[in-house]
Amino acid sequence: MPEYSNSMKILKVGDQAKAACETCQAFTSITYQLHDVPFSDGSGLTKNILAGVCDVCGAVTVIPHQSTPAICSTLAQQHNFVY
């Protein structure tokens, strides 16, 4: 039986991986970069978070777990929520 680690990998600017790009409709190489990422409902954006960006078309394809606190903070500020 394989061993699994409970720790998550911490990604940094310049790290590379492969991911499914919705725009390209293919698995492509991505590079993690700091990016302003809009919310899917158009209500605003979170600035300067780490995101996986498609090397072919430049679309944001993935948001790593470590960007979640910044997203939650922005949402809370916009909606006056307390987390």
Protein backbone atom coordinates (compact mmCIF):
# COMPACT_ATOMS: atom_id res chain seq x y z
CA MET A 1 0.00 0.00 0.00
CA PRO A 2 1.46 3.42 -0.95
CA GLU A 3 2.25 5.93 1.75
CA TYR A 4 0.59 9.32 1.58
CA SER A 5 1.88 12.48 3.15
CA ASN A 6 -0.45 14.82 5.01
CA SER A 7 1.65 17.81 4.00
CA MET A 8 0.79 19.85 0.93
CA LYS A 9 3.43 21.04 -1.49
CA ILE A 10 4.11 24.74 -1.23
CA LEU A 11 4.34 26.19 -4.72
CA LYS A 12 6.27 29.30 -5.71
CA VAL A 13 6.54 31.67 -8.66
CA GLY A 14 8.19 29.92 -11.58
CA ASP A 15 7.20 26.36 -10.62
CA GLN A 16 5.86 24.39 -13.57
CA ALA A 17 3.28 21.61 -13.95
CA LYS A 18 0.65 20.28 -16.35
CA ALA A 19 -3.06 21.09 -16.09
CA ALA A 20 -6.25 21.02 -18.11
CA CYS A 21 -6.76 24.37 -19.80
CA GLU A 22 -10.41 25.16 -20.47
CA THR A 23 -9.50 27.71 -23.14
CA CYS A 24 -7.17 25.37 -25.08
CA GLN A 25 -9.37 22.32 -24.39
CA ALA A 26 -6.19 20.32 -23.71
CA PHE A 27 -3.66 19.41 -21.05
CA THR A 28 -0.94 22.02 -21.27
CA SER A 29 2.16 23.10 -19.43
CA ILE A 30 1.52 25.78 -16.83
CA THR A 31 3.76 28.12 -14.90
CA TYR A 32 2.84 29.52 -11.49
CA GLN A 33 2.79 33.32 -11.51
CA LEU A 34 1.41 36.15 -9.41
CA HIS A 35 -1.83 37.21 -11.03
CA ASP A 36 -4.98 39.26 -10.44
CA VAL A 37 -7.80 36.70 -10.60
CA PRO A 38 -11.46 37.74 -11.05
CA PHE A 39 -14.27 35.93 -9.27
CA SER A 40 -16.34 33.73 -11.58
CA ASP A 41 -19.49 35.73 -10.78
CA GLY A 42 -17.84 39.00 -11.84
CA SER A 43 -18.23 40.57 -8.38
CA GLY A 44 -14.57 41.52 -8.04
CA LEU A 45 -11.08 40.13 -8.06
CA THR A 46 -8.29 39.03 -5.77
CA LYS A 47 -5.05 40.81 -6.56
CA ASN A 48 -1.58 39.38 -6.73
CA ILE A 49 -2.24 35.72 -5.85
CA LEU A 50 -0.30 32.69 -6.98
CA ALA A 51 -2.04 31.02 -9.93
CA GLY A 52 -1.15 28.40 -12.52
CA VAL A 53 -1.16 30.08 -15.93
CA CYS A 54 -1.34 28.20 -19.24
CA ASP A 55 1.93 28.54 -21.16
CA VAL A 56 0.01 28.37 -24.48
CA CYS A 57 -2.79 30.93 -24.07
CA GLY A 58 -2.12 32.72 -20.76
CA ALA A 59 -5.39 31.71 -19.09
CA VAL A 60 -5.47 30.98 -15.36
CA THR A 61 -6.00 27.22 -15.08
CA VAL A 62 -5.49 26.45 -11.38
CA ILE A 63 -5.37 28.22 -8.04
CA PRO A 64 -3.17 26.45 -5.47
CA HIS A 65 -4.36 25.85 -1.91
CA GLN A 66 -2.01 28.47 -0.50
CA SER A 67 -3.92 31.23 -2.33
CA THR A 68 -7.19 30.36 -0.55
CA PRO A 69 -6.68 32.67 2.48
CA ALA A 70 -6.20 35.69 0.21
CA ILE A 71 -9.35 34.81 -1.75
CA CYS A 72 -11.39 34.37 1.45
CA SER A 73 -10.10 37.67 2.80
CA THR A 74 -11.08 39.53 -0.38
CA LEU A 75 -14.54 37.94 -0.36
CA ALA A 76 -15.01 38.86 3.29
CA GLN A 77 -14.04 42.48 2.63
CA GLN A 78 -16.39 42.73 -0.34
CA HIS A 79 -19.34 41.19 1.45
CA ASN A 80 -18.56 42.40 4.99
CA PHE A 81 -18.40 38.79 6.20
CA VAL A 82 -16.40 37.69 9.19
CA TYR A 83 -14.57 34.37 8.85
